């Protein structure tokens, strides 16, 4: 809330807006998806490092490639879950 000159007003008493359950859940899930996405990216970087340092050893190359594939699948899963949750929250909240 701002006054006519653009200064931010701090709501007090009865003027405090109530946060709806949709916004609270959306905020919590955004944090969860952010952390999950970061973990997937870190796993991808680690697998790429293993691939680079495998020195051509076939078993290490295979494990590194599997790690990259798993990290990509995990990241796609996180992105799809984020999209579905956003869709349902928007549908439930009517906006």
C-alpha atoms as a PDB file:
ATOM      1  CA  UNK A   1       0.000   0.000   0.000  1.00  0.00           C
ATOM      2  CA  UNK A   2       1.258   3.464  -0.875  1.00  0.00           C
ATOM      3  CA  UNK A   3       0.081   6.961  -0.064  1.00  0.00           C
ATOM      4  CA  UNK A   4      -0.405   9.670  -2.694  1.00  0.00           C
ATOM      5  CA  UNK A   5       3.308  10.520  -2.721  1.00  0.00           C
ATOM      6  CA  UNK A   6       4.474   6.921  -3.228  1.00  0.00           C
ATOM      7  CA  UNK A   7       5.685   6.287   0.312  1.00  0.00           C
ATOM      8  CA  UNK A   8       5.135   2.732   1.467  1.00  0.00           C
ATOM      9  CA  UNK A   9       2.647   2.459   4.309  1.00  0.00           C
ATOM     10  CA  UNK A  10       2.932  -0.302   6.872  1.00  0.00           C
ATOM     11  CA  UNK A  11      -0.495  -1.872   7.448  1.00  0.00           C
ATOM     12  CA  UNK A  12      -1.604  -1.903  11.058  1.00  0.00           C
ATOM     13  CA  UNK A  13      -4.600  -3.191  12.941  1.00  0.00           C
ATOM     14  CA  UNK A  14      -7.535  -4.119  10.730  1.00  0.00           C
ATOM     15  CA  UNK A  15      -5.727  -3.062   7.539  1.00  0.00           C
ATOM     16  CA  UNK A  16      -3.421  -6.092   7.501  1.00  0.00           C
ATOM     17  CA  UNK A  17      -4.236  -8.162   4.402  1.00  0.00           C
ATOM     18  CA  UNK A  18      -4.827 -11.830   5.115  1.00  0.00           C
ATOM     19  CA  UNK A  19      -2.681 -14.248   3.133  1.00  0.00           C
ATOM     20  CA  UNK A  20      -4.775 -16.929   1.544  1.00  0.00           C
ATOM     21  CA  UNK A  21      -3.868 -20.584   1.740  1.00  0.00           C
ATOM     22  CA  UNK A  22      -3.151 -20.670  -2.008  1.00  0.00           C
ATOM     23  CA  UNK A  23      -0.456 -18.016  -1.695  1.00  0.00           C
ATOM     24  CA  UNK A  24       1.122 -19.671   1.320  1.00  0.00           C
ATOM     25  CA  UNK A  25       1.207 -23.088  -0.381  1.00  0.00           C
ATOM     26  CA  UNK A  26       2.481 -21.543  -3.621  1.00  0.00           C
ATOM     27  CA  UNK A  27       5.286 -19.796  -1.758  1.00  0.00           C
ATOM     28  CA  UNK A  28       6.339 -22.947   0.061  1.00  0.00           C
ATOM     29  CA  UNK A  29       6.244 -25.029  -3.108  1.00  0.00           C
ATOM     30  CA  UNK A  30       8.239 -22.399  -5.002  1.00  0.00           C
ATOM     31  CA  UNK A  31      10.989 -22.833  -2.426  1.00  0.00           C
ATOM     32  CA  UNK A  32      10.844 -26.615  -2.685  1.00  0.00           C
ATOM     33  CA  UNK A  33      11.009 -26.506  -6.487  1.00  0.00           C
ATOM     34  CA  UNK A  34      13.873 -24.027  -6.387  1.00  0.00           C
ATOM     35  CA  UNK A  35      15.905 -26.280  -4.102  1.00  0.00           C
ATOM     36  CA  UNK A  36      15.059 -29.384  -6.167  1.00  0.00           C
ATOM     37  CA  UNK A  37      16.092 -27.599  -9.370  1.00  0.00           C
ATOM     38  CA  UNK A  38      19.359 -26.502  -7.803  1.00  0.00           C
ATOM     39  CA  UNK A  39      20.069 -30.066  -6.677  1.00  0.00           C
ATOM     40  CA  UNK A  40      19.403 -31.357 -10.213  1.00  0.00           C
ATOM     41  CA  UNK A  41      21.753 -28.784 -11.733  1.00  0.00           C
ATOM     42  CA  UNK A  42      24.468 -29.575  -9.167  1.00  0.00           C
ATOM     43  CA  UNK A  43      24.049 -33.298  -9.893  1.00  0.00           C
ATOM     44  CA  UNK A  44      24.427 -32.570 -13.609  1.00  0.00           C
ATOM     45  CA  UNK A  45      27.609 -30.580 -12.996  1.00  0.00           C
ATOM     46  CA  UNK A  46      29.025 -33.360 -10.820  1.00  0.00           C
ATOM     47  CA  UNK A  47      28.237 -35.994 -13.451  1.00  0.00           C
ATOM     48  CA  UNK A  48      29.828 -33.835 -16.149  1.00  0.00           C
ATOM     49  CA  UNK A  49      32.930 -33.491 -13.975  1.00  0.00           C
ATOM     50  CA  UNK A  50      33.032 -37.275 -13.555  1.00  0.00           C
ATOM     51  CA  UNK A  51      32.744 -37.632 -17.332  1.00  0.00           C
ATOM     52  CA  UNK A  52      35.621 -35.237 -17.962  1.00  0.00           C
ATOM     53  CA  UNK A  53      37.843 -36.903 -15.372  1.00  0.00           C
ATOM     54  CA  UNK A  54      37.018 -40.484 -16.397  1.00  0.00           C
ATOM     55  CA  UNK A  55      40.178 -40.728 -18.550  1.00  0.00           C
ATOM     56  CA  UNK A  56      38.374 -42.922 -21.045  1.00  0.00           C
ATOM     57  CA  UNK A  57      37.615 -45.709 -18.560  1.00  0.00           C
ATOM     58  CA  UNK A  58      34.466 -47.303 -20.077  1.00  0.00           C
ATOM     59  CA  UNK A  59      32.767 -48.050 -16.751  1.00  0.00           C
ATOM     60  CA  UNK A  60      33.362 -44.527 -15.421  1.00  0.00           C
ATOM     61  CA  UNK A  61      32.195 -42.975 -18.712  1.00  0.00           C
ATOM     62  CA  UNK A  62      29.006 -45.065 -18.589  1.00  0.00           C
ATOM     63  CA  UNK A  63      28.308 -44.074 -14.976  1.00  0.00           C
ATOM     64  CA  UNK A  64      28.922 -40.414 -15.785  1.00  0.00           C
ATOM     65  CA  UNK A  65      26.596 -40.529 -18.798  1.00  0.00           C
ATOM     66  CA  UNK A  66      23.908 -42.196 -16.690  1.00  0.00           C
ATOM     67  CA  UNK A  67      24.344 -39.486 -14.070  1.00  0.00           C
ATOM     68  CA  UNK A  68      23.867 -36.779 -16.690  1.00  0.00           C
ATOM     69  CA  UNK A  69      20.736 -38.480 -18.033  1.00  0.00           C
ATOM     70  CA  UNK A  70      19.309 -38.928 -14.525  1.00  0.00           C
ATOM     71  CA  UNK A  71      19.998 -35.281 -13.685  1.00  0.00           C
ATOM     72  CA  UNK A  72      18.281 -34.107 -16.877  1.00  0.00           C
ATOM     73  CA  UNK A  73      15.279 -36.346 -16.198  1.00  0.00           C
ATOM     74  CA  UNK A  74      15.147 -35.028 -12.633  1.00  0.00           C
ATOM     75  CA  UNK A  75      15.255 -31.435 -13.840  1.00  0.00           C
ATOM     76  CA  UNK A  76      12.492 -32.111 -16.360  1.00  0.00           C
ATOM     77  CA  UNK A  77      10.433 -33.729 -13.609  1.00  0.00           C
ATOM     78  CA  UNK A  78      10.904 -30.665 -11.379  1.00  0.00           C
ATOM     79  CA  UNK A  79       9.922 -28.298 -14.203  1.00  0.00           C
ATOM     80  CA  UNK A  80       6.843 -30.353 -15.111  1.00  0.00           C
ATOM     81  CA  UNK A  81       5.802 -30.562 -11.453  1.00  0.00           C
ATOM     82  CA  UNK A  82       6.249 -26.819 -11.067  1.00  0.00           C
ATOM     83  CA  UNK A  83       4.064 -26.173 -14.120  1.00  0.00           C
ATOM     84  CA  UNK A  84       1.335 -28.545 -12.949  1.00  0.00           C
ATOM     85  CA  UNK A  85       1.278 -27.110  -9.437  1.00  0.00           C
ATOM     86  CA  UNK A  86       1.115 -23.564 -10.812  1.00  0.00           C
ATOM     87  CA  UNK A  87      -1.726 -24.571 -13.129  1.00  0.00           C
ATOM     88  CA  UNK A  88      -3.755 -26.159 -10.322  1.00  0.00           C
ATOM     89  CA  UNK A  89      -3.149 -23.300  -7.895  1.00  0.00           C
ATOM     90  CA  UNK A  90      -4.256 -20.819 -10.540  1.00  0.00           C
ATOM     91  CA  UNK A  91      -7.321 -22.948 -11.330  1.00  0.00           C
ATOM     92  CA  UNK A  92      -8.249 -23.306  -7.664  1.00  0.00           C
ATOM     93  CA  UNK A  93      -7.750 -19.649  -6.807  1.00  0.00           C
ATOM     94  CA  UNK A  94      -9.752 -18.572  -9.865  1.00  0.00           C
ATOM     95  CA  UNK A  95      -7.154 -16.261 -11.268  1.00  0.00           C
END
